[in-house]
Amino acid sequence: MNHSFFQSVYDVVRLIPCGRVTSYGAIAEYLGSRGSARMVGWAMNASHTEVVNLPAHRVVNRIGMLTGKRHFGAQGIMEQLLNNEGIEIVDDQIVNFEKHFWNPITELRITNDPQTP
C-alpha cells in the first residue's frame, strides 16, 4: 500500500465538516487519482486500526450508501455517528445525500484559493 497516498486521504478526511459527507471517488479525484476510489477505500479500512481522530464515518460511496459500516465494530455505529451529526439514514442510505455532500474539489479550492478575498 502507498503510505503517502493513505496519509493524503487522511488529511482530506480530517477536513470534512461535521454534518457533511463525501465519497471515496471525490477524495481520489481531489488527490489527482481519479479512478482510485478503491484505493481510498483501502486507506479508510486501514484507518480503523492505525489512525486516531479521523472522522471516517463521513466517507461513503458515490450514492450515499454506508458501504464501510462493517469496519466500525458494533452494528449501527457508523449510522449512529452520522445521526449524531444530523444526517438521517434509511436502509443504510443517506437521506438527501446531495444536501450533505461535501466535494473537496470545490470546497477546498474556494477555501484555499489565495486569490479569494
PDB file of N, CA and C in Angstrom:
ATOM      1  N   MET A   1       0.835  -1.187   0.000  1.00  0.00           N
ATOM      2  CA  MET A   1       0.000   0.000   0.000  1.00  0.00           C
ATOM      3  C   MET A   1       0.882   1.253   0.000  1.00  0.00           C
ATOM      4  N   ASN A   2       0.384   2.303  -0.561  1.00  0.00           N
ATOM      5  CA  ASN A   2       1.114   3.551  -0.664  1.00  0.00           C
ATOM      6  C   ASN A   2       0.822   4.401   0.564  1.00  0.00           C
ATOM      7  N   HIS A   3       1.779   4.424   1.498  1.00  0.00           N
ATOM      8  CA  HIS A   3       1.565   5.121   2.761  1.00  0.00           C
ATOM      9  C   HIS A   3       1.321   6.615   2.546  1.00  0.00           C
ATOM     10  N   SER A   4       2.068   7.251   1.644  1.00  0.00           N
ATOM     11  CA  SER A   4       1.873   8.684   1.455  1.00  0.00           C
ATOM     12  C   SER A   4       0.490   8.982   0.864  1.00  0.00           C
ATOM     13  N   PHE A   5      -0.004   8.105  -0.018  1.00  0.00           N
ATOM     14  CA  PHE A   5      -1.355   8.284  -0.545  1.00  0.00           C
ATOM     15  C   PHE A   5      -2.361   8.157   0.596  1.00  0.00           C
ATOM     16  N   PHE A   6      -2.181   7.144   1.439  1.00  0.00           N
ATOM     17  CA  PHE A   6      -3.081   6.956   2.572  1.00  0.00           C
ATOM     18  C   PHE A   6      -3.069   8.204   3.461  1.00  0.00           C
ATOM     19  N   GLN A   7      -1.891   8.738   3.732  1.00  0.00           N
ATOM     20  CA  GLN A   7      -1.789   9.932   4.573  1.00  0.00           C
ATOM     21  C   GLN A   7      -2.506  11.107   3.930  1.00  0.00           C
ATOM     22  N   SER A   8      -2.398  11.236   2.618  1.00  0.00           N
ATOM     23  CA  SER A   8      -3.109  12.310   1.905  1.00  0.00           C
ATOM     24  C   SER A   8      -4.611  12.134   2.038  1.00  0.00           C
ATOM     25  N   VAL A   9      -5.080  10.886   1.953  1.00  0.00           N
ATOM     26  CA  VAL A   9      -6.510  10.603   2.140  1.00  0.00           C
ATOM     27  C   VAL A   9      -6.929  11.053   3.540  1.00  0.00           C
ATOM     28  N   TYR A  10      -6.148  10.689   4.544  1.00  0.00           N
ATOM     29  CA  TYR A  10      -6.494  11.043   5.923  1.00  0.00           C
ATOM     30  C   TYR A  10      -6.502  12.558   6.120  1.00  0.00           C
ATOM     31  N   ASP A  11      -5.586  13.248   5.459  1.00  0.00           N
ATOM     32  CA  ASP A  11      -5.548  14.710   5.566  1.00  0.00           C
ATOM     33  C   ASP A  11      -6.842  15.328   5.036  1.00  0.00           C
ATOM     34  N   VAL A  12      -7.358  14.792   3.932  1.00  0.00           N
ATOM     35  CA  VAL A  12      -8.613  15.295   3.363  1.00  0.00           C
ATOM     36  C   VAL A  12      -9.784  14.945   4.280  1.00  0.00           C
ATOM     37  N   VAL A  13      -9.823  13.716   4.762  1.00  0.00           N
ATOM     38  CA  VAL A  13     -10.931  13.269   5.608  1.00  0.00           C
ATOM     39  C   VAL A  13     -11.033  14.132   6.867  1.00  0.00           C
ATOM     40  N   ARG A  14      -9.913  14.539   7.413  1.00  0.00           N
ATOM     41  CA  ARG A  14      -9.931  15.390   8.614  1.00  0.00           C
ATOM     42  C   ARG A  14     -10.593  16.742   8.350  1.00  0.00           C
ATOM     43  N   LEU A  15     -10.690  17.141   7.091  1.00  0.00           N
ATOM     44  CA  LEU A  15     -11.263  18.441   6.738  1.00  0.00           C
ATOM     45  C   LEU A  15     -12.773  18.397   6.493  1.00  0.00           C
ATOM     46  N   ILE A  16     -13.352  17.199   6.436  1.00  0.00           N
ATOM     47  CA  ILE A  16     -14.796  17.084   6.186  1.00  0.00           C
ATOM     48  C   ILE A  16     -15.531  17.664   7.394  1.00  0.00           C
ATOM     49  N   PRO A  17     -16.344  18.679   7.180  1.00  0.00           N
ATOM     50  CA  PRO A  17     -17.049  19.303   8.313  1.00  0.00           C
ATOM     51  C   PRO A  17     -18.092  18.367   8.941  1.00  0.00           C
ATOM     52  N   CYS A  18     -18.349  18.602  10.189  1.00  0.00           N
ATOM     53  CA  CYS A  18     -19.404  17.889  10.904  1.00  0.00           C
ATOM     54  C   CYS A  18     -20.721  18.107  10.170  1.00  0.00           C
ATOM     55  N   GLY A  19     -21.494  17.032  10.002  1.00  0.00           N
ATOM     56  CA  GLY A  19     -22.780  17.123   9.331  1.00  0.00           C
ATOM     57  C   GLY A  19     -22.693  17.043   7.816  1.00  0.00           C
ATOM     58  N   ARG A  20     -21.519  16.760   7.303  1.00  0.00           N
ATOM     59  CA  ARG A  20     -21.309  16.639   5.864  1.00  0.00           C
ATOM     60  C   ARG A  20     -20.640  15.292   5.594  1.00  0.00           C
ATOM     61  N   VAL A  21     -20.746  14.807   4.375  1.00  0.00           N
ATOM     62  CA  VAL A  21     -20.107  13.559   3.963  1.00  0.00           C
ATOM     63  C   VAL A  21     -19.494  13.744   2.585  1.00  0.00           C
ATOM     64  N   THR A  22     -18.563  12.874   2.253  1.00  0.00           N
ATOM     65  CA  THR A  22     -18.000  12.851   0.913  1.00  0.00           C
ATOM     66  C   THR A  22     -17.860  11.398   0.485  1.00  0.00           C
ATOM     67  N   SER A  23     -17.409  11.204  -0.745  1.00  0.00           N
ATOM     68  CA  SER A  23     -17.294   9.845  -1.273  1.00  0.00           C
ATOM     69  C   SER A  23     -15.827   9.477  -1.498  1.00  0.00           C
ATOM     70  N   TYR A  24     -15.602   8.179  -1.618  1.00  0.00           N
ATOM     71  CA  TYR A  24     -14.270   7.674  -1.907  1.00  0.00           C
ATOM     72  C   TYR A  24     -13.759   8.281  -3.213  1.00  0.00           C
ATOM     73  N   GLY A  25     -14.627   8.320  -4.212  1.00  0.00           N
ATOM     74  CA  GLY A  25     -14.252   8.843  -5.516  1.00  0.00           C
ATOM     75  C   GLY A  25     -13.935  10.324  -5.500  1.00  0.00           C
ATOM     76  N   ALA A  26     -14.683  11.095  -4.716  1.00  0.00           N
ATOM     77  CA  ALA A  26     -14.431  12.536  -4.629  1.00  0.00           C
ATOM     78  C   ALA A  26     -13.074  12.807  -4.004  1.00  0.00           C
ATOM     79  N   ILE A  27     -12.706  12.015  -3.011  1.00  0.00           N
ATOM     80  CA  ILE A  27     -11.386  12.156  -2.390  1.00  0.00           C
ATOM     81  C   ILE A  27     -10.302  11.798  -3.406  1.00  0.00           C
ATOM     82  N   ALA A  28     -10.482  10.681  -4.104  1.00  0.00           N
ATOM     83  CA  ALA A  28      -9.495  10.259  -5.104  1.00  0.00           C
ATOM     84  C   ALA A  28      -9.311  11.332  -6.171  1.00  0.00           C
ATOM     85  N   GLU A  29     -10.416  11.868  -6.664  1.00  0.00           N
ATOM     86  CA  GLU A  29     -10.332  12.899  -7.698  1.00  0.00           C
ATOM     87  C   GLU A  29      -9.622  14.147  -7.174  1.00  0.00           C
ATOM     88  N   TYR A  30      -9.925  14.549  -5.962  1.00  0.00           N
ATOM     89  CA  TYR A  30      -9.261  15.709  -5.363  1.00  0.00           C
ATOM     90  C   TYR A  30      -7.752  15.498  -5.283  1.00  0.00           C
ATOM     91  N   LEU A  31      -7.348  14.264  -4.989  1.00  0.00           N
ATOM     92  CA  LEU A  31      -5.928  13.952  -4.860  1.00  0.00           C
ATOM     93  C   LEU A  31      -5.248  13.713  -6.204  1.00  0.00           C
ATOM     94  N   GLY A  32      -5.988  13.907  -7.289  1.00  0.00           N
ATOM     95  CA  GLY A  32      -5.404  13.731  -8.616  1.00  0.00           C
ATOM     96  C   GLY A  32      -5.307  12.294  -9.048  1.00  0.00           C
ATOM     97  N   SER A  33      -6.084  11.428  -8.425  1.00  0.00           N
ATOM     98  CA  SER A  33      -6.064   9.995  -8.727  1.00  0.00           C
ATOM     99  C   SER A  33      -7.447   9.512  -9.110  1.00  0.00           C
ATOM    100  N   ARG A  34      -8.074  10.233 -10.022  1.00  0.00           N
ATOM    101  CA  ARG A  34      -9.412   9.837 -10.461  1.00  0.00           C
ATOM    102  C   ARG A  34      -9.395   8.370 -10.874  1.00  0.00           C
ATOM    103  N   GLY A  35     -10.397   7.640 -10.452  1.00  0.00           N
ATOM    104  CA  GLY A  35     -10.449   6.212 -10.731  1.00  0.00           C
ATOM    105  C   GLY A  35      -9.830   5.364  -9.633  1.00  0.00           C
ATOM    106  N   SER A  36      -9.366   6.009  -8.571  1.00  0.00           N
ATOM    107  CA  SER A  36      -8.729   5.278  -7.468  1.00  0.00           C
ATOM    108  C   SER A  36      -9.597   5.240  -6.217  1.00  0.00           C
ATOM    109  N   ALA A  37     -10.899   5.246  -6.404  1.00  0.00           N
ATOM    110  CA  ALA A  37     -11.805   5.204  -5.251  1.00  0.00           C
ATOM    111  C   ALA A  37     -11.549   3.970  -4.395  1.00  0.00           C
ATOM    112  N   ARG A  38     -11.241   2.858  -5.027  1.00  0.00           N
ATOM    113  CA  ARG A  38     -10.976   1.632  -4.268  1.00  0.00           C
ATOM    114  C   ARG A  38      -9.756   1.794  -3.363  1.00  0.00           C
ATOM    115  N   MET A  39      -8.745   2.488  -3.849  1.00  0.00           N
ATOM    116  CA  MET A  39      -7.551   2.711  -3.034  1.00  0.00           C
ATOM    117  C   MET A  39      -7.881   3.614  -1.842  1.00  0.00           C
ATOM    118  N   VAL A  40      -8.761   4.583  -2.051  1.00  0.00           N
ATOM    119  CA  VAL A  40      -9.226   5.413  -0.932  1.00  0.00           C
ATOM    120  C   VAL A  40      -9.957   4.518   0.071  1.00  0.00           C
ATOM    121  N   GLY A  41     -10.742   3.582  -0.425  1.00  0.00           N
ATOM    122  CA  GLY A  41     -11.416   2.625   0.445  1.00  0.00           C
ATOM    123  C   GLY A  41     -10.435   1.806   1.261  1.00  0.00           C
ATOM    124  N   TRP A  42      -9.352   1.385   0.638  1.00  0.00           N
ATOM    125  CA  TRP A  42      -8.322   0.630   1.373  1.00  0.00           C
ATOM    126  C   TRP A  42      -7.715   1.500   2.475  1.00  0.00           C
ATOM    127  N   ALA A  43      -7.487   2.765   2.156  1.00  0.00           N
ATOM    128  CA  ALA A  43      -6.950   3.680   3.164  1.00  0.00           C
ATOM    129  C   ALA A  43      -7.930   3.821   4.330  1.00  0.00           C
ATOM    130  N   MET A  44      -9.214   3.941   4.002  1.00  0.00           N
ATOM    131  CA  MET A  44     -10.209   4.081   5.056  1.00  0.00           C
ATOM    132  C   MET A  44     -10.295   2.808   5.897  1.00  0.00           C
ATOM    133  N   ASN A  45     -10.202   1.647   5.260  1.00  0.00           N
ATOM    134  CA  ASN A  45     -10.208   0.389   6.016  1.00  0.00           C
ATOM    135  C   ASN A  45      -9.033   0.335   6.978  1.00  0.00           C
ATOM    136  N   ALA A  46      -7.866   0.755   6.519  1.00  0.00           N
ATOM    137  CA  ALA A  46      -6.675   0.746   7.368  1.00  0.00           C
ATOM    138  C   ALA A  46      -6.776   1.768   8.494  1.00  0.00           C
ATOM    139  N   SER A  47      -7.530   2.810   8.287  1.00  0.00           N
ATOM    140  CA  SER A  47      -7.616   3.887   9.280  1.00  0.00           C
ATOM    141  C   SER A  47      -8.243   3.436  10.588  1.00  0.00           C
ATOM    142  N   HIS A  48      -9.053   2.420  10.546  1.00  0.00           N
ATOM    143  CA  HIS A  48      -9.763   1.978  11.753  1.00  0.00           C
ATOM    144  C   HIS A  48      -8.833   1.367  12.792  1.00  0.00           C
ATOM    145  N   THR A  49      -7.649   0.968  12.367  1.00  0.00           N
ATOM    146  CA  THR A  49      -6.703   0.393  13.321  1.00  0.00           C
ATOM    147  C   THR A  49      -5.458   1.245  13.491  1.00  0.00           C
ATOM    148  N   GLU A  50      -5.238   2.212  12.606  1.00  0.00           N
ATOM    149  CA  GLU A  50      -3.981   2.950  12.626  1.00  0.00           C
ATOM    150  C   GLU A  50      -4.098   4.437  12.941  1.00  0.00           C
ATOM    151  N   VAL A  51      -5.230   5.028  12.699  1.00  0.00           N
ATOM    152  CA  VAL A  51      -5.338   6.479  12.787  1.00  0.00           C
ATOM    153  C   VAL A  51      -6.346   6.864  13.867  1.00  0.00           C
ATOM    154  N   VAL A  52      -5.966   7.813  14.697  1.00  0.00           N
ATOM    155  CA  VAL A  52      -6.894   8.308  15.717  1.00  0.00           C
ATOM    156  C   VAL A  52      -7.487   9.630  15.260  1.00  0.00           C
ATOM    157  N   ASN A  53      -8.650   9.937  15.778  1.00  0.00           N
ATOM    158  CA  ASN A  53      -9.332  11.199  15.488  1.00  0.00           C
ATOM    159  C   ASN A  53      -9.559  11.430  13.996  1.00  0.00           C
ATOM    160  N   LEU A  54      -9.989  10.398  13.318  1.00  0.00           N
ATOM    161  CA  LEU A  54     -10.311  10.525  11.901  1.00  0.00           C
ATOM    162  C   LEU A  54     -11.809  10.288  11.739  1.00  0.00           C
ATOM    163  N   PRO A  55     -12.537  11.264  11.203  1.00  0.00           N
ATOM    164  CA  PRO A  55     -13.984  11.089  11.053  1.00  0.00           C
ATOM    165  C   PRO A  55     -14.329  10.202   9.854  1.00  0.00           C
ATOM    166  N   ALA A  56     -13.881   8.965   9.912  1.00  0.00           N
ATOM    167  CA  ALA A  56     -14.061   8.014   8.808  1.00  0.00           C
ATOM    168  C   ALA A  56     -15.527   7.763   8.488  1.00  0.00           C
ATOM    169  N   HIS A  57     -16.395   7.978   9.457  1.00  0.00           N
ATOM    170  CA  HIS A  57     -17.827   7.762   9.227  1.00  0.00           C
ATOM    171  C   HIS A  57     -18.395   8.735   8.203  1.00  0.00           C
ATOM    172  N   ARG A  58     -17.671   9.791   7.881  1.00  0.00           N
ATOM    173  CA  ARG A  58     -18.137  10.787   6.919  1.00  0.00           C
ATOM    174  C   ARG A  58     -17.789  10.451   5.476  1.00  0.00           C
ATOM    175  N   VAL A  59     -17.217   9.273   5.256  1.00  0.00           N
ATOM    176  CA  VAL A  59     -16.867   8.846   3.894  1.00  0.00           C
ATOM    177  C   VAL A  59     -17.772   7.683   3.505  1.00  0.00           C
ATOM    178  N   VAL A  60     -18.513   7.881   2.422  1.00  0.00           N
ATOM    179  CA  VAL A  60     -19.492   6.898   1.958  1.00  0.00           C
ATOM    180  C   VAL A  60     -19.277   6.650   0.460  1.00  0.00           C
ATOM    181  N   ASN A  61     -20.081   5.790  -0.127  1.00  0.00           N
ATOM    182  CA  ASN A  61     -19.908   5.567  -1.560  1.00  0.00           C
ATOM    183  C   ASN A  61     -20.563   6.678  -2.373  1.00  0.00           C
ATOM    184  N   ARG A  62     -20.470   6.604  -3.674  1.00  0.00           N
ATOM    185  CA  ARG A  62     -20.885   7.705  -4.561  1.00  0.00           C
ATOM    186  C   ARG A  62     -22.381   7.985  -4.566  1.00  0.00           C
ATOM    187  N   ILE A  63     -23.176   7.066  -4.022  1.00  0.00           N
ATOM    188  CA  ILE A  63     -24.623   7.316  -3.960  1.00  0.00           C
ATOM    189  C   ILE A  63     -25.119   7.476  -2.519  1.00  0.00           C
ATOM    190  N   GLY A  64     -24.178   7.585  -1.579  1.00  0.00           N
ATOM    191  CA  GLY A  64     -24.558   7.829  -0.191  1.00  0.00           C
ATOM    192  C   GLY A  64     -24.844   6.600   0.640  1.00  0.00           C
ATOM    193  N   MET A  65     -24.393   5.442   0.169  1.00  0.00           N
ATOM    194  CA  MET A  65     -24.579   4.210   0.944  1.00  0.00           C
ATOM    195  C   MET A  65     -23.444   4.059   1.961  1.00  0.00           C
ATOM    196  N   LEU A  66     -23.773   3.507   3.114  1.00  0.00           N
ATOM    197  CA  LEU A  66     -22.791   3.288   4.174  1.00  0.00           C
ATOM    198  C   LEU A  66     -22.037   1.987   3.922  1.00  0.00           C
ATOM    199  N   THR A  67     -21.245   1.964   2.882  1.00  0.00           N
ATOM    200  CA  THR A  67     -20.561   0.735   2.479  1.00  0.00           C
ATOM    201  C   THR A  67     -19.457   0.327   3.444  1.00  0.00           C
ATOM    202  N   GLY A  68     -18.919   1.246   4.216  1.00  0.00           N
ATOM    203  CA  GLY A  68     -17.842   0.914   5.140  1.00  0.00           C
ATOM    204  C   GLY A  68     -18.302   0.613   6.543  1.00  0.00           C
ATOM    205  N   LYS A  69     -19.593   0.453   6.730  1.00  0.00           N
ATOM    206  CA  LYS A  69     -20.155   0.329   8.085  1.00  0.00           C
ATOM    207  C   LYS A  69     -19.616  -0.855   8.871  1.00  0.00           C
ATOM    208  N   ARG A  70     -19.244  -1.918   8.216  1.00  0.00           N
ATOM    209  CA  ARG A  70     -18.783  -3.105   8.951  1.00  0.00           C
ATOM    210  C   ARG A  70     -17.430  -2.894   9.629  1.00  0.00           C
ATOM    211  N   HIS A  71     -16.726  -1.845   9.246  1.00  0.00           N
ATOM    212  CA  HIS A  71     -15.411  -1.572   9.821  1.00  0.00           C
ATOM    213  C   HIS A  71     -15.480  -0.745  11.102  1.00  0.00           C
ATOM    214  N   PHE A  72     -16.674  -0.454  11.568  1.00  0.00           N
ATOM    215  CA  PHE A  72     -16.833   0.362  12.762  1.00  0.00           C
ATOM    216  C   PHE A  72     -17.086  -0.465  14.019  1.00  0.00           C
ATOM    217  N   GLY A  73     -16.916  -1.756  13.923  1.00  0.00           N
ATOM    218  CA  GLY A  73     -17.127  -2.606  15.090  1.00  0.00           C
ATOM    219  C   GLY A  73     -18.571  -3.017  15.209  1.00  0.00           C
ATOM    220  N   ALA A  74     -19.206  -2.589  16.268  1.00  0.00           N
ATOM    221  CA  ALA A  74     -20.590  -2.973  16.527  1.00  0.00           C
ATOM    222  C   ALA A  74     -21.528  -2.468  15.430  1.00  0.00           C
ATOM    223  N   GLN A  75     -22.558  -3.230  15.180  1.00  0.00           N
ATOM    224  CA  GLN A  75     -23.545  -2.877  14.165  1.00  0.00           C
ATOM    225  C   GLN A  75     -24.208  -1.542  14.502  1.00  0.00           C
ATOM    226  N   GLY A  76     -24.338  -0.686  13.514  1.00  0.00           N
ATOM    227  CA  GLY A  76     -25.040   0.576  13.680  1.00  0.00           C
ATOM    228  C   GLY A  76     -24.183   1.751  14.134  1.00  0.00           C
ATOM    229  N   ILE A  77     -22.898   1.534  14.385  1.00  0.00           N
ATOM    230  CA  ILE A  77     -22.048   2.623  14.893  1.00  0.00           C
ATOM    231  C   ILE A  77     -21.904   3.742  13.866  1.00  0.00           C
ATOM    232  N   MET A  78     -21.615   3.398  12.613  1.00  0.00           N
ATOM    233  CA  MET A  78     -21.453   4.423  11.582  1.00  0.00           C
ATOM    234  C   MET A  78     -22.734   5.239  11.443  1.00  0.00           C
ATOM    235  N   GLU A  79     -23.854   4.555  11.391  1.00  0.00           N
ATOM    236  CA  GLU A  79     -25.136   5.237  11.284  1.00  0.00           C
ATOM    237  C   GLU A  79     -25.377   6.152  12.479  1.00  0.00           C
ATOM    238  N   GLN A  80     -25.075   5.675  13.667  1.00  0.00           N
ATOM    239  CA  GLN A  80     -25.285   6.480  14.868  1.00  0.00           C
ATOM    240  C   GLN A  80     -24.409   7.730  14.860  1.00  0.00           C
ATOM    241  N   LEU A  81     -23.150   7.587  14.439  1.00  0.00           N
ATOM    242  CA  LEU A  81     -22.255   8.743  14.362  1.00  0.00           C
ATOM    243  C   LEU A  81     -22.800   9.794  13.401  1.00  0.00           C
ATOM    244  N   LEU A  82     -23.315   9.341  12.264  1.00  0.00           N
ATOM    245  CA  LEU A  82     -23.892  10.271  11.293  1.00  0.00           C
ATOM    246  C   LEU A  82     -25.187  10.889  11.831  1.00  0.00           C
ATOM    247  N   ASN A  83     -26.018  10.076  12.464  1.00  0.00           N
ATOM    248  CA  ASN A  83     -27.249  10.598  13.085  1.00  0.00           C
ATOM    249  C   ASN A  83     -26.917  11.682  14.106  1.00  0.00           C
ATOM    250  N   ASN A  84     -25.861  11.465  14.889  1.00  0.00           N
ATOM    251  CA  ASN A  84     -25.449  12.442  15.901  1.00  0.00           C
ATOM    252  C   ASN A  84     -25.073  13.784  15.280  1.00  0.00           C
ATOM    253  N   GLU A  85     -24.726  13.771  13.983  1.00  0.00           N
ATOM    254  CA  GLU A  85     -24.351  14.998  13.276  1.00  0.00           C
ATOM    255  C   GLU A  85     -25.518  15.558  12.461  1.00  0.00           C
ATOM    256  N   GLY A  86     -26.708  14.984  12.654  1.00  0.00           N
ATOM    257  CA  GLY A  86     -27.895  15.493  11.984  1.00  0.00           C
ATOM    258  C   GLY A  86     -28.155  14.898  10.615  1.00  0.00           C
ATOM    259  N   ILE A  87     -27.499  13.801  10.292  1.00  0.00           N
ATOM    260  CA  ILE A  87     -27.685  13.150   8.995  1.00  0.00           C
ATOM    261  C   ILE A  87     -28.604  11.952   9.180  1.00  0.00           C
ATOM    262  N   GLU A  88     -29.699  11.951   8.449  1.00  0.00           N
ATOM    263  CA  GLU A  88     -30.675  10.866   8.542  1.00  0.00           C
ATOM    264  C   GLU A  88     -30.284   9.738   7.598  1.00  0.00           C
ATOM    265  N   ILE A  89     -30.421   8.510   8.091  1.00  0.00           N
ATOM    266  CA  ILE A  89     -30.094   7.309   7.326  1.00  0.00           C
ATOM    267  C   ILE A  89     -31.328   6.419   7.272  1.00  0.00           C
ATOM    268  N   VAL A  90     -31.650   5.904   6.088  1.00  0.00           N
ATOM    269  CA  VAL A  90     -32.725   4.929   5.932  1.00  0.00           C
ATOM    270  C   VAL A  90     -32.175   3.791   5.081  1.00  0.00           C
ATOM    271  N   ASP A  91     -32.230   2.579   5.614  1.00  0.00           N
ATOM    272  CA  ASP A  91     -31.735   1.391   4.908  1.00  0.00           C
ATOM    273  C   ASP A  91     -30.304   1.577   4.417  1.00  0.00           C
ATOM    274  N   ASP A  92     -29.443   2.047   5.320  1.00  0.00           N
ATOM    275  CA  ASP A  92     -28.017   2.257   5.040  1.00  0.00           C
ATOM    276  C   ASP A  92     -27.750   3.298   3.955  1.00  0.00           C
ATOM    277  N   GLN A  93     -28.704   4.165   3.686  1.00  0.00           N
ATOM    278  CA  GLN A  93     -28.579   5.201   2.652  1.00  0.00           C
ATOM    279  C   GLN A  93     -28.817   6.563   3.290  1.00  0.00           C
ATOM    280  N   ILE A  94     -27.965   7.540   2.966  1.00  0.00           N
ATOM    281  CA  ILE A  94     -28.133   8.896   3.471  1.00  0.00           C
ATOM    282  C   ILE A  94     -29.326   9.548   2.775  1.00  0.00           C
ATOM    283  N   VAL A  95     -30.243  10.068   3.579  1.00  0.00           N
ATOM    284  CA  VAL A  95     -31.402  10.793   3.052  1.00  0.00           C
ATOM    285  C   VAL A  95     -30.917  12.187   2.653  1.00  0.00           C
ATOM    286  N   ASN A  96     -31.355  12.644   1.477  1.00  0.00           N
ATOM    287  CA  ASN A  96     -30.907  13.943   0.950  1.00  0.00           C
ATOM    288  C   ASN A  96     -29.387  14.014   0.831  1.00  0.00           C
ATOM    289  N   PHE A  97     -28.817  12.982   0.232  1.00  0.00           N
ATOM    290  CA  PHE A  97     -27.365  12.878   0.083  1.00  0.00           C
ATOM    291  C   PHE A  97     -26.762  14.148  -0.517  1.00  0.00           C
ATOM    292  N   GLU A  98     -27.384  14.695  -1.542  1.00  0.00           N
ATOM    293  CA  GLU A  98     -26.854  15.882  -2.214  1.00  0.00           C
ATOM    294  C   GLU A  98     -26.723  17.062  -1.251  1.00  0.00           C
ATOM    295  N   LYS A  99     -27.657  17.176  -0.327  1.00  0.00           N
ATOM    296  CA  LYS A  99     -27.642  18.261   0.655  1.00  0.00           C
ATOM    297  C   LYS A  99     -26.433  18.150   1.582  1.00  0.00           C
ATOM    298  N   HIS A 100     -26.034  16.940   1.915  1.00  0.00           N
ATOM    299  CA  HIS A 100     -24.951  16.710   2.871  1.00  0.00           C
ATOM    300  C   HIS A 100     -23.594  16.509   2.201  1.00  0.00           C
ATOM    301  N   PHE A 101     -23.594  16.382   0.867  1.00  0.00           N
ATOM    302  CA  PHE A 101     -22.363  16.051   0.165  1.00  0.00           C
ATOM    303  C   PHE A 101     -21.371  17.208   0.200  1.00  0.00           C
ATOM    304  N   TRP A 102     -20.161  16.897   0.567  1.00  0.00           N
ATOM    305  CA  TRP A 102     -19.041  17.851   0.628  1.00  0.00           C
ATOM    306  C   TRP A 102     -18.032  17.430  -0.422  1.00  0.00           C
ATOM    307  N   ASN A 103     -17.840  18.267  -1.426  1.00  0.00           N
ATOM    308  CA  ASN A 103     -16.913  17.945  -2.508  1.00  0.00           C
ATOM    309  C   ASN A 103     -15.598  18.668  -2.261  1.00  0.00           C
ATOM    310  N   PRO A 104     -14.532  17.937  -1.942  1.00  0.00           N
ATOM    311  CA  PRO A 104     -13.262  18.602  -1.636  1.00  0.00           C
ATOM    312  C   PRO A 104     -12.723  19.428  -2.799  1.00  0.00           C
ATOM    313  N   ILE A 105     -13.057  19.052  -4.020  1.00  0.00           N
ATOM    314  CA  ILE A 105     -12.561  19.810  -5.176  1.00  0.00           C
ATOM    315  C   ILE A 105     -13.087  21.243  -5.148  1.00  0.00           C
ATOM    316  N   THR A 106     -14.361  21.402  -4.879  1.00  0.00           N
ATOM    317  CA  THR A 106     -14.917  22.752  -4.865  1.00  0.00           C
ATOM    318  C   THR A 106     -14.754  23.419  -3.506  1.00  0.00           C
ATOM    319  N   GLU A 107     -14.957  22.692  -2.441  1.00  0.00           N
ATOM    320  CA  GLU A 107     -14.899  23.278  -1.102  1.00  0.00           C
ATOM    321  C   GLU A 107     -13.488  23.715  -0.724  1.00  0.00           C
ATOM    322  N   LEU A 108     -12.495  22.902  -1.026  1.00  0.00           N
ATOM    323  CA  LEU A 108     -11.131  23.248  -0.641  1.00  0.00           C
ATOM    324  C   LEU A 108     -10.502  24.241  -1.600  1.00  0.00           C
ATOM    325  N   ARG A 109     -10.905  24.207  -2.847  1.00  0.00           N
ATOM    326  CA  ARG A 109     -10.379  25.191  -3.809  1.00  0.00           C
ATOM    327  C   ARG A 109     -10.840  26.582  -3.404  1.00  0.00           C
ATOM    328  N   ILE A 110     -12.086  26.707  -3.021  1.00  0.00           N
ATOM    329  CA  ILE A 110     -12.622  28.001  -2.603  1.00  0.00           C
ATOM    330  C   ILE A 110     -11.928  28.462  -1.315  1.00  0.00           C
ATOM    331  N   THR A 111     -11.832  27.556  -0.350  1.00  0.00           N
ATOM    332  CA  THR A 111     -11.252  27.884   0.938  1.00  0.00           C
ATOM    333  C   THR A 111      -9.774  28.208   0.837  1.00  0.00           C
ATOM    334  N   ASN A 112      -9.035  27.473   0.013  1.00  0.00           N
ATOM    335  CA  ASN A 112      -7.580  27.612  -0.028  1.00  0.00           C
ATOM    336  C   ASN A 112      -7.073  28.460  -1.184  1.00  0.00           C
ATOM    337  N   ASP A 113      -7.948  29.046  -1.960  1.00  0.00           N
ATOM    338  CA  ASP A 113      -7.534  29.849  -3.107  1.00  0.00           C
ATOM    339  C   ASP A 113      -7.000  31.197  -2.610  1.00  0.00           C
ATOM    340  N   PRO A 114      -5.701  31.467  -2.828  1.00  0.00           N
ATOM    341  CA  PRO A 114      -5.133  32.717  -2.339  1.00  0.00           C
ATOM    342  C   PRO A 114      -5.720  33.948  -3.033  1.00  0.00           C
ATOM    343  N   GLN A 115      -6.368  33.752  -4.183  1.00  0.00           N
ATOM    344  CA  GLN A 115      -6.968  34.869  -4.903  1.00  0.00           C
ATOM    345  C   GLN A 115      -8.339  35.245  -4.343  1.00  0.00           C
ATOM    346  N   THR A 116      -8.904  34.382  -3.498  1.00  0.00           N
ATOM    347  CA  THR A 116     -10.222  34.646  -2.921  1.00  0.00           C
ATOM    348  C   THR A 116     -10.076  35.675  -1.811  1.00  0.00           C
ATOM    349  N   PRO A 117     -10.851  36.742  -1.854  1.00  0.00           N
ATOM    350  CA  PRO A 117     -10.739  37.786  -0.793  1.00  0.00           C
ATOM    351  C   PRO A 117     -11.200  37.285   0.556  1.00  0.00           C
TER     352      PRO A 117
END
